[in-house]
């Protein structure tokens, strides 16, 4: 994630649907330089769809999306790949490819036609794998690693891509507690050291509260509320969007919200 203001993301009045069924309607969101913005909401609310629109996998039915002031719709796949990297929930990759080969794919947008990876490309990829604690898996076929290890390899691939904008789609879903915090600790550190911007779809509300500069809560295809964790994660908003009663505690170290849904049938 390098460059000044190149990672700034602007989503303006974006709408999208599948087979005539609307999924997103009138979504507007800004992610500034140095920001980690989280998108939260229940399953099926359109979080992943929004990230696919930003990455160019899907085309919006209305509205505009720009990265660094440049309309995504006017960029070629190669140009877009030098501006935004994605860590998906799931990725189809050849199971016999090694972790190093997968991570090295992040360097592809920087290569010329028929150009092979250079020593510098390998060095940058190794550094990315070391940062995500998966360099020891370099020679392992990706089909032989655990779900958590696979996710760290995909994150390394995105970091090796060196784009100003990073998209994270439920990046900690397969990780244990230590690696959950480790991923976001790394992302925040990279933002501080290198700049850029991050948009993350996050399932864990407490995790989002601790790390995101701002949070957008999606409800029925629209952003119900956007702001700080204290502004967004209220009992009223959580009841409206998730349909559950929740208690909000204060983290003893950060002072940020900890979300505890109330069990209907406690043990």
C-alpha atoms as a PDB file:
ATOM      1  CA  UNK A   1       0.000   0.000   0.000  1.00  0.00           C
ATOM      2  CA  UNK A   2       2.071   2.857  -1.284  1.00  0.00           C
ATOM      3  CA  UNK A   3       1.451   6.302  -2.661  1.00  0.00           C
ATOM      4  CA  UNK A   4      -0.159   9.440  -1.319  1.00  0.00           C
ATOM      5  CA  UNK A   5      -3.962   9.716  -1.671  1.00  0.00           C
ATOM      6  CA  UNK A   6      -3.946   7.089  -4.422  1.00  0.00           C
ATOM      7  CA  UNK A   7      -5.893   4.736  -2.189  1.00  0.00           C
ATOM      8  CA  UNK A   8      -8.702   7.148  -1.370  1.00  0.00           C
ATOM      9  CA  UNK A   9     -11.978   5.407  -2.235  1.00  0.00           C
ATOM     10  CA  UNK A  10     -15.217   7.143  -3.171  1.00  0.00           C
ATOM     11  CA  UNK A  11     -18.467   5.188  -3.549  1.00  0.00           C
ATOM     12  CA  UNK A  12     -21.342   7.395  -4.639  1.00  0.00           C
ATOM     13  CA  UNK A  13     -24.986   6.335  -4.891  1.00  0.00           C
ATOM     14  CA  UNK A  14     -24.087   2.809  -6.027  1.00  0.00           C
ATOM     15  CA  UNK A  15     -26.815   0.266  -6.705  1.00  0.00           C
ATOM     16  CA  UNK A  16     -26.670  -3.373  -7.771  1.00  0.00           C
ATOM     17  CA  UNK A  17     -28.872  -6.440  -7.996  1.00  0.00           C
ATOM     18  CA  UNK A  18     -28.838 -10.062  -9.123  1.00  0.00           C
ATOM     19  CA  UNK A  19     -31.426 -11.227 -11.693  1.00  0.00           C
ATOM     20  CA  UNK A  20     -33.677  -8.277 -11.040  1.00  0.00           C
ATOM     21  CA  UNK A  21     -33.438  -8.649  -7.263  1.00  0.00           C
ATOM     22  CA  UNK A  22     -31.936  -5.511  -5.695  1.00  0.00           C
ATOM     23  CA  UNK A  23     -29.062  -6.107  -3.280  1.00  0.00           C
ATOM     24  CA  UNK A  24     -27.602  -2.626  -2.829  1.00  0.00           C
ATOM     25  CA  UNK A  25     -29.430   0.625  -3.342  1.00  0.00           C
ATOM     26  CA  UNK A  26     -27.933   4.090  -3.094  1.00  0.00           C
ATOM     27  CA  UNK A  27     -24.756   3.160  -1.211  1.00  0.00           C
ATOM     28  CA  UNK A  28     -22.379   6.076  -0.619  1.00  0.00           C
ATOM     29  CA  UNK A  29     -19.166   5.735   1.363  1.00  0.00           C
ATOM     30  CA  UNK A  30     -15.758   7.411   1.505  1.00  0.00           C
ATOM     31  CA  UNK A  31     -12.473   5.869   2.662  1.00  0.00           C
ATOM     32  CA  UNK A  32      -9.686   8.387   3.074  1.00  0.00           C
ATOM     33  CA  UNK A  33      -5.923   8.037   3.075  1.00  0.00           C
ATOM     34  CA  UNK A  34      -4.750   6.219   6.202  1.00  0.00           C
ATOM     35  CA  UNK A  35      -8.218   4.935   7.101  1.00  0.00           C
ATOM     36  CA  UNK A  36      -9.520   1.480   7.903  1.00  0.00           C
ATOM     37  CA  UNK A  37     -13.273   1.508   7.360  1.00  0.00           C
ATOM     38  CA  UNK A  38     -15.371  -1.498   8.290  1.00  0.00           C
ATOM     39  CA  UNK A  39     -18.608  -2.615   6.659  1.00  0.00           C
ATOM     40  CA  UNK A  40     -20.793  -4.655   8.999  1.00  0.00           C
ATOM     41  CA  UNK A  41     -24.225  -6.189   8.780  1.00  0.00           C
ATOM     42  CA  UNK A  42     -25.984  -9.570   8.780  1.00  0.00           C
ATOM     43  CA  UNK A  43     -25.282 -12.326   6.284  1.00  0.00           C
ATOM     44  CA  UNK A  44     -26.697 -11.528   2.859  1.00  0.00           C
ATOM     45  CA  UNK A  45     -26.834  -7.765   3.408  1.00  0.00           C
ATOM     46  CA  UNK A  46     -24.441  -7.065   0.516  1.00  0.00           C
ATOM     47  CA  UNK A  47     -21.058  -6.616   2.213  1.00  0.00           C
ATOM     48  CA  UNK A  48     -19.205  -8.962  -0.140  1.00  0.00           C
ATOM     49  CA  UNK A  49     -21.111  -7.614  -3.133  1.00  0.00           C
ATOM     50  CA  UNK A  50     -19.922  -4.110  -2.314  1.00  0.00           C
ATOM     51  CA  UNK A  51     -16.297  -5.259  -2.249  1.00  0.00           C
ATOM     52  CA  UNK A  52     -16.745  -7.048  -5.584  1.00  0.00           C
ATOM     53  CA  UNK A  53     -18.045  -3.817  -7.077  1.00  0.00           C
ATOM     54  CA  UNK A  54     -15.034  -1.871  -5.811  1.00  0.00           C
ATOM     55  CA  UNK A  55     -12.625  -4.515  -7.125  1.00  0.00           C
ATOM     56  CA  UNK A  56     -14.248  -4.509 -10.560  1.00  0.00           C
ATOM     57  CA  UNK A  57     -15.498  -8.104 -10.427  1.00  0.00           C
ATOM     58  CA  UNK A  58     -19.040  -6.730 -10.695  1.00  0.00           C
ATOM     59  CA  UNK A  59     -20.269  -3.596 -12.440  1.00  0.00           C
ATOM     60  CA  UNK A  60     -22.706  -1.284 -10.628  1.00  0.00           C
ATOM     61  CA  UNK A  61     -26.141  -0.748 -12.124  1.00  0.00           C
ATOM     62  CA  UNK A  62     -25.992   2.852 -11.003  1.00  0.00           C
ATOM     63  CA  UNK A  63     -23.644   5.296  -9.321  1.00  0.00           C
ATOM     64  CA  UNK A  64     -19.866   5.652  -9.485  1.00  0.00           C
ATOM     65  CA  UNK A  65     -16.818   4.172  -7.756  1.00  0.00           C
ATOM     66  CA  UNK A  66     -13.419   5.863  -7.907  1.00  0.00           C
ATOM     67  CA  UNK A  67      -9.994   5.081  -6.468  1.00  0.00           C
ATOM     68  CA  UNK A  68      -7.604   7.983  -6.116  1.00  0.00           C
ATOM     69  CA  UNK A  69     -10.017  10.107  -8.133  1.00  0.00           C
ATOM     70  CA  UNK A  70     -10.037   7.673 -11.077  1.00  0.00           C
ATOM     71  CA  UNK A  71     -13.316   5.986 -12.086  1.00  0.00           C
ATOM     72  CA  UNK A  72     -12.989   2.208 -11.663  1.00  0.00           C
ATOM     73  CA  UNK A  73     -15.160   1.633 -14.720  1.00  0.00           C
ATOM     74  CA  UNK A  74     -12.575   3.255 -16.979  1.00  0.00           C
ATOM     75  CA  UNK A  75      -9.666   1.087 -15.853  1.00  0.00           C
ATOM     76  CA  UNK A  76      -8.403  -2.074 -17.503  1.00  0.00           C
ATOM     77  CA  UNK A  77      -8.082  -5.185 -15.312  1.00  0.00           C
ATOM     78  CA  UNK A  78      -4.319  -4.681 -15.180  1.00  0.00           C
ATOM     79  CA  UNK A  79      -4.628  -1.011 -14.227  1.00  0.00           C
ATOM     80  CA  UNK A  80      -7.153  -1.866 -11.551  1.00  0.00           C
ATOM     81  CA  UNK A  81      -4.894  -4.598 -10.168  1.00  0.00           C
ATOM     82  CA  UNK A  82      -2.169  -2.017  -9.511  1.00  0.00           C
ATOM     83  CA  UNK A  83      -4.621   0.048  -7.463  1.00  0.00           C
ATOM     84  CA  UNK A  84      -6.596  -2.452  -5.415  1.00  0.00           C
ATOM     85  CA  UNK A  85      -5.810  -5.863  -3.890  1.00  0.00           C
ATOM     86  CA  UNK A  86      -8.387  -8.213  -2.403  1.00  0.00           C
ATOM     87  CA  UNK A  87      -8.294 -10.805   0.351  1.00  0.00           C
ATOM     88  CA  UNK A  88     -11.461 -12.826  -0.429  1.00  0.00           C
ATOM     89  CA  UNK A  89     -13.472 -15.094   1.843  1.00  0.00           C
ATOM     90  CA  UNK A  90     -12.735 -17.962  -0.504  1.00  0.00           C
ATOM     91  CA  UNK A  91     -10.459 -18.223  -3.520  1.00  0.00           C
ATOM     92  CA  UNK A  92     -10.217 -20.892  -6.183  1.00  0.00           C
ATOM     93  CA  UNK A  93      -6.530 -21.720  -6.491  1.00  0.00           C
ATOM     94  CA  UNK A  94      -4.803 -24.832  -7.886  1.00  0.00           C
ATOM     95  CA  UNK A  95      -4.321 -27.161  -4.893  1.00  0.00           C
ATOM     96  CA  UNK A  96      -0.891 -28.283  -6.088  1.00  0.00           C
ATOM     97  CA  UNK A  97       0.517 -24.738  -6.200  1.00  0.00           C
ATOM     98  CA  UNK A  98       2.819 -23.963  -3.308  1.00  0.00           C
ATOM     99  CA  UNK A  99       2.171 -21.161  -0.860  1.00  0.00           C
ATOM    100  CA  UNK A 100       5.057 -19.215  -2.395  1.00  0.00           C
ATOM    101  CA  UNK A 101       3.629 -19.604  -5.899  1.00  0.00           C
ATOM    102  CA  UNK A 102       0.249 -18.339  -4.703  1.00  0.00           C
ATOM    103  CA  UNK A 103       1.724 -15.347  -2.865  1.00  0.00           C
ATOM    104  CA  UNK A 104       3.980 -14.555  -5.827  1.00  0.00           C
ATOM    105  CA  UNK A 105       0.850 -14.067  -7.965  1.00  0.00           C
ATOM    106  CA  UNK A 106       0.510 -10.714  -6.238  1.00  0.00           C
ATOM    107  CA  UNK A 107       3.442  -9.455  -8.316  1.00  0.00           C
ATOM    108  CA  UNK A 108       1.745 -10.265 -11.672  1.00  0.00           C
ATOM    109  CA  UNK A 109       0.244  -6.776 -12.249  1.00  0.00           C
ATOM    110  CA  UNK A 110       3.752  -5.299 -12.041  1.00  0.00           C
ATOM    111  CA  UNK A 111       5.203  -7.566 -14.724  1.00  0.00           C
ATOM    112  CA  UNK A 112       5.403  -6.875 -18.419  1.00  0.00           C
ATOM    113  CA  UNK A 113       4.167  -9.200 -21.152  1.00  0.00           C
ATOM    114  CA  UNK A 114       5.977 -12.568 -20.912  1.00  0.00           C
ATOM    115  CA  UNK A 115       8.165 -11.148 -18.153  1.00  0.00           C
ATOM    116  CA  UNK A 116       9.321 -13.461 -15.357  1.00  0.00           C
ATOM    117  CA  UNK A 117       9.459 -12.479 -11.698  1.00  0.00           C
ATOM    118  CA  UNK A 118      12.702 -10.820 -10.716  1.00  0.00           C
ATOM    119  CA  UNK A 119      14.785 -11.280  -7.591  1.00  0.00           C
ATOM    120  CA  UNK A 120      13.108  -8.143  -6.242  1.00  0.00           C
ATOM    121  CA  UNK A 121       9.657  -9.679  -6.801  1.00  0.00           C
ATOM    122  CA  UNK A 122      10.707 -12.754  -4.831  1.00  0.00           C
ATOM    123  CA  UNK A 123      12.157 -10.556  -2.092  1.00  0.00           C
ATOM    124  CA  UNK A 124       8.957  -8.534  -1.752  1.00  0.00           C
ATOM    125  CA  UNK A 125       6.864 -11.699  -1.706  1.00  0.00           C
ATOM    126  CA  UNK A 126       9.037 -13.262   0.973  1.00  0.00           C
ATOM    127  CA  UNK A 127       8.699 -10.103   3.052  1.00  0.00           C
ATOM    128  CA  UNK A 128       4.904 -10.223   2.700  1.00  0.00           C
ATOM    129  CA  UNK A 129       4.852 -13.875   3.769  1.00  0.00           C
ATOM    130  CA  UNK A 130       7.063 -13.140   6.747  1.00  0.00           C
ATOM    131  CA  UNK A 131       4.755 -10.325   7.823  1.00  0.00           C
ATOM    132  CA  UNK A 132       1.756 -12.694   7.695  1.00  0.00           C
ATOM    133  CA  UNK A 133       3.671 -15.484   9.429  1.00  0.00           C
ATOM    134  CA  UNK A 134       3.438 -17.993   6.578  1.00  0.00           C
ATOM    135  CA  UNK A 135       6.966 -18.011   5.135  1.00  0.00           C
ATOM    136  CA  UNK A 136       7.559 -21.385   6.772  1.00  0.00           C
ATOM    137  CA  UNK A 137       4.795 -22.724   4.489  1.00  0.00           C
ATOM    138  CA  UNK A 138       6.497 -21.486   1.309  1.00  0.00           C
ATOM    139  CA  UNK A 139       7.019 -24.955  -0.168  1.00  0.00           C
ATOM    140  CA  UNK A 140       3.747 -26.462   1.042  1.00  0.00           C
ATOM    141  CA  UNK A 141       1.013 -27.162  -1.563  1.00  0.00           C
ATOM    142  CA  UNK A 142      -1.880 -24.889  -0.697  1.00  0.00           C
ATOM    143  CA  UNK A 143      -4.213 -27.876  -0.825  1.00  0.00           C
ATOM    144  CA  UNK A 144      -2.392 -29.287   2.200  1.00  0.00           C
ATOM    145  CA  UNK A 145      -2.612 -26.295   4.553  1.00  0.00           C
ATOM    146  CA  UNK A 146      -5.317 -25.430   7.075  1.00  0.00           C
ATOM    147  CA  UNK A 147      -8.034 -22.846   6.472  1.00  0.00           C
ATOM    148  CA  UNK A 148      -6.288 -20.337   8.697  1.00  0.00           C
ATOM    149  CA  UNK A 149      -2.944 -20.875   6.989  1.00  0.00           C
ATOM    150  CA  UNK A 150      -4.588 -20.501   3.600  1.00  0.00           C
ATOM    151  CA  UNK A 151      -6.079 -17.162   4.650  1.00  0.00           C
ATOM    152  CA  UNK A 152      -2.674 -15.874   5.747  1.00  0.00           C
ATOM    153  CA  UNK A 153      -1.207 -16.896   2.383  1.00  0.00           C
ATOM    154  CA  UNK A 154      -3.950 -14.991   0.547  1.00  0.00           C
ATOM    155  CA  UNK A 155      -3.240 -11.950   2.702  1.00  0.00           C
ATOM    156  CA  UNK A 156       0.447 -12.247   1.818  1.00  0.00           C
ATOM    157  CA  UNK A 157      -0.493 -12.317  -1.868  1.00  0.00           C
ATOM    158  CA  UNK A 158      -2.464  -9.095  -1.444  1.00  0.00           C
ATOM    159  CA  UNK A 159       0.383  -7.391   0.434  1.00  0.00           C
ATOM    160  CA  UNK A 160       2.893  -8.467  -2.228  1.00  0.00           C
ATOM    161  CA  UNK A 161       0.663  -6.746  -4.785  1.00  0.00           C
ATOM    162  CA  UNK A 162       1.580  -3.386  -3.189  1.00  0.00           C
ATOM    163  CA  UNK A 163      -1.596  -1.494  -4.018  1.00  0.00           C
ATOM    164  CA  UNK A 164      -2.759   1.744  -2.375  1.00  0.00           C
ATOM    165  CA  UNK A 165      -6.194   0.244  -1.605  1.00  0.00           C
ATOM    166  CA  UNK A 166      -6.726  -3.070   0.188  1.00  0.00           C
ATOM    167  CA  UNK A 167     -10.086  -4.859   0.391  1.00  0.00           C
ATOM    168  CA  UNK A 168     -10.629  -7.447   3.121  1.00  0.00           C
ATOM    169  CA  UNK A 169     -13.650  -9.745   2.877  1.00  0.00           C
ATOM    170  CA  UNK A 170     -14.113 -11.402   6.276  1.00  0.00           C
ATOM    171  CA  UNK A 171     -10.318 -11.789   6.557  1.00  0.00           C
ATOM    172  CA  UNK A 172     -10.358 -13.449   9.987  1.00  0.00           C
ATOM    173  CA  UNK A 173     -13.233 -15.905   9.465  1.00  0.00           C
ATOM    174  CA  UNK A 174     -10.960 -18.975   9.509  1.00  0.00           C
ATOM    175  CA  UNK A 175      -8.400 -17.716  12.005  1.00  0.00           C
ATOM    176  CA  UNK A 176      -7.998 -18.412  15.689  1.00  0.00           C
ATOM    177  CA  UNK A 177      -8.046 -15.626  18.270  1.00  0.00           C
ATOM    178  CA  UNK A 178      -4.332 -14.796  18.092  1.00  0.00           C
ATOM    179  CA  UNK A 179      -4.298 -14.524  14.292  1.00  0.00           C
ATOM    180  CA  UNK A 180      -7.547 -12.513  14.241  1.00  0.00           C
ATOM    181  CA  UNK A 181      -5.954  -9.698  16.177  1.00  0.00           C
ATOM    182  CA  UNK A 182      -2.646 -10.291  14.398  1.00  0.00           C
ATOM    183  CA  UNK A 183      -4.179  -9.623  10.974  1.00  0.00           C
ATOM    184  CA  UNK A 184      -5.694  -6.319  12.018  1.00  0.00           C
ATOM    185  CA  UNK A 185      -2.621  -5.303  14.000  1.00  0.00           C
ATOM    186  CA  UNK A 186      -0.625  -5.812  10.811  1.00  0.00           C
ATOM    187  CA  UNK A 187      -3.108  -3.880   8.659  1.00  0.00           C
ATOM    188  CA  UNK A 188      -3.134  -0.904  11.021  1.00  0.00           C
ATOM    189  CA  UNK A 189       0.669  -0.922  11.230  1.00  0.00           C
ATOM    190  CA  UNK A 190       0.959  -0.933   7.433  1.00  0.00           C
ATOM    191  CA  UNK A 191      -1.456   1.964   7.182  1.00  0.00           C
ATOM    192  CA  UNK A 192       0.709   3.974   9.567  1.00  0.00           C
ATOM    193  CA  UNK A 193       3.982   3.043   7.876  1.00  0.00           C
ATOM    194  CA  UNK A 194       3.018   3.006   4.197  1.00  0.00           C
ATOM    195  CA  UNK A 195      -0.229   4.932   3.903  1.00  0.00           C
ATOM    196  CA  UNK A 196      -3.045   3.782   1.665  1.00  0.00           C
ATOM    197  CA  UNK A 197      -6.586   2.853   2.628  1.00  0.00           C
ATOM    198  CA  UNK A 198      -8.466  -0.289   3.688  1.00  0.00           C
ATOM    199  CA  UNK A 199     -12.122  -1.268   3.301  1.00  0.00           C
ATOM    200  CA  UNK A 200     -13.062  -4.401   5.240  1.00  0.00           C
ATOM    201  CA  UNK A 201     -16.233  -6.453   5.429  1.00  0.00           C
ATOM    202  CA  UNK A 202     -16.228  -7.751   9.000  1.00  0.00           C
ATOM    203  CA  UNK A 203     -18.510 -10.217  10.746  1.00  0.00           C
ATOM    204  CA  UNK A 204     -17.213  -9.721  14.298  1.00  0.00           C
ATOM    205  CA  UNK A 205     -18.639  -6.448  15.624  1.00  0.00           C
ATOM    206  CA  UNK A 206     -16.297  -6.266  18.613  1.00  0.00           C
ATOM    207  CA  UNK A 207     -13.275  -6.758  16.355  1.00  0.00           C
ATOM    208  CA  UNK A 208     -14.570  -4.038  14.033  1.00  0.00           C
ATOM    209  CA  UNK A 209     -15.027  -1.691  16.981  1.00  0.00           C
ATOM    210  CA  UNK A 210     -11.450  -2.131  18.177  1.00  0.00           C
ATOM    211  CA  UNK A 211      -9.700  -1.541  14.840  1.00  0.00           C
ATOM    212  CA  UNK A 212     -11.857   0.468  12.436  1.00  0.00           C
ATOM    213  CA  UNK A 213     -11.607   4.229  12.266  1.00  0.00           C
ATOM    214  CA  UNK A 214     -15.191   4.283  11.036  1.00  0.00           C
ATOM    215  CA  UNK A 215     -17.929   1.678  10.629  1.00  0.00           C
ATOM    216  CA  UNK A 216     -20.780   1.510   8.106  1.00  0.00           C
ATOM    217  CA  UNK A 217     -23.762  -0.594   9.213  1.00  0.00           C
ATOM    218  CA  UNK A 218     -25.661  -2.021   6.227  1.00  0.00           C
ATOM    219  CA  UNK A 219     -29.383  -2.744   6.504  1.00  0.00           C
ATOM    220  CA  UNK A 220     -31.622  -3.874   3.640  1.00  0.00           C
ATOM    221  CA  UNK A 221     -29.145  -2.820   0.985  1.00  0.00           C
ATOM    222  CA  UNK A 222     -28.464   0.629   2.373  1.00  0.00           C
ATOM    223  CA  UNK A 223     -26.179   2.168   4.971  1.00  0.00           C
ATOM    224  CA  UNK A 224     -28.339   2.677   8.036  1.00  0.00           C
ATOM    225  CA  UNK A 225     -25.665   4.596   9.922  1.00  0.00           C
ATOM    226  CA  UNK A 226     -21.975   5.412   9.537  1.00  0.00           C
ATOM    227  CA  UNK A 227     -19.549   6.778  12.089  1.00  0.00           C
ATOM    228  CA  UNK A 228     -17.398   5.788  15.028  1.00  0.00           C
ATOM    229  CA  UNK A 229     -17.920   2.507  16.866  1.00  0.00           C
ATOM    230  CA  UNK A 230     -19.742   4.340  19.662  1.00  0.00           C
ATOM    231  CA  UNK A 231     -22.068   6.024  17.173  1.00  0.00           C
ATOM    232  CA  UNK A 232     -22.851   2.922  15.141  1.00  0.00           C
ATOM    233  CA  UNK A 233     -22.899   0.048  17.613  1.00  0.00           C
ATOM    234  CA  UNK A 234     -25.879   0.986  19.763  1.00  0.00           C
ATOM    235  CA  UNK A 235     -28.546  -1.295  21.206  1.00  0.00           C
ATOM    236  CA  UNK A 236     -31.155   0.309  18.971  1.00  0.00           C
ATOM    237  CA  UNK A 237     -29.160  -0.117  15.768  1.00  0.00           C
ATOM    238  CA  UNK A 238     -28.251  -3.728  16.563  1.00  0.00           C
ATOM    239  CA  UNK A 239     -31.882  -4.592  17.321  1.00  0.00           C
ATOM    240  CA  UNK A 240     -33.011  -2.997  14.057  1.00  0.00           C
ATOM    241  CA  UNK A 241     -30.406  -4.695  11.861  1.00  0.00           C
ATOM    242  CA  UNK A 242     -29.772  -8.043  13.567  1.00  0.00           C
ATOM    243  CA  UNK A 243     -33.041  -8.476  15.424  1.00  0.00           C
ATOM    244  CA  UNK A 244     -31.289  -9.318  18.678  1.00  0.00           C
ATOM    245  CA  UNK A 245     -30.992  -7.744  22.095  1.00  0.00           C
ATOM    246  CA  UNK A 246     -27.372  -6.992  22.900  1.00  0.00           C
ATOM    247  CA  UNK A 247     -25.428  -5.580  25.803  1.00  0.00           C
ATOM    248  CA  UNK A 248     -22.629  -3.124  25.115  1.00  0.00           C
ATOM    249  CA  UNK A 249     -19.688  -3.162  27.483  1.00  0.00           C
ATOM    250  CA  UNK A 250     -16.591  -0.987  27.449  1.00  0.00           C
ATOM    251  CA  UNK A 251     -13.251  -2.592  26.680  1.00  0.00           C
ATOM    252  CA  UNK A 252     -11.052  -2.015  29.742  1.00  0.00           C
ATOM    253  CA  UNK A 253      -8.000  -1.116  27.655  1.00  0.00           C
ATOM    254  CA  UNK A 254      -9.290   0.655  24.551  1.00  0.00           C
ATOM    255  CA  UNK A 255     -12.512   2.136  25.911  1.00  0.00           C
ATOM    256  CA  UNK A 256     -14.284   0.917  22.768  1.00  0.00           C
ATOM    257  CA  UNK A 257     -17.518  -1.125  22.614  1.00  0.00           C
ATOM    258  CA  UNK A 258     -17.645  -4.853  23.246  1.00  0.00           C
ATOM    259  CA  UNK A 259     -20.830  -6.383  21.817  1.00  0.00           C
ATOM    260  CA  UNK A 260     -22.457  -9.218  23.770  1.00  0.00           C
ATOM    261  CA  UNK A 261     -25.690 -10.628  22.286  1.00  0.00           C
ATOM    262  CA  UNK A 262     -28.100 -11.791  24.972  1.00  0.00           C
ATOM    263  CA  UNK A 263     -28.680 -15.566  24.836  1.00  0.00           C
ATOM    264  CA  UNK A 264     -32.366 -16.537  24.704  1.00  0.00           C
ATOM    265  CA  UNK A 265     -31.698 -19.845  26.427  1.00  0.00           C
ATOM    266  CA  UNK A 266     -28.615 -19.453  28.642  1.00  0.00           C
ATOM    267  CA  UNK A 267     -26.910 -22.530  30.026  1.00  0.00           C
END
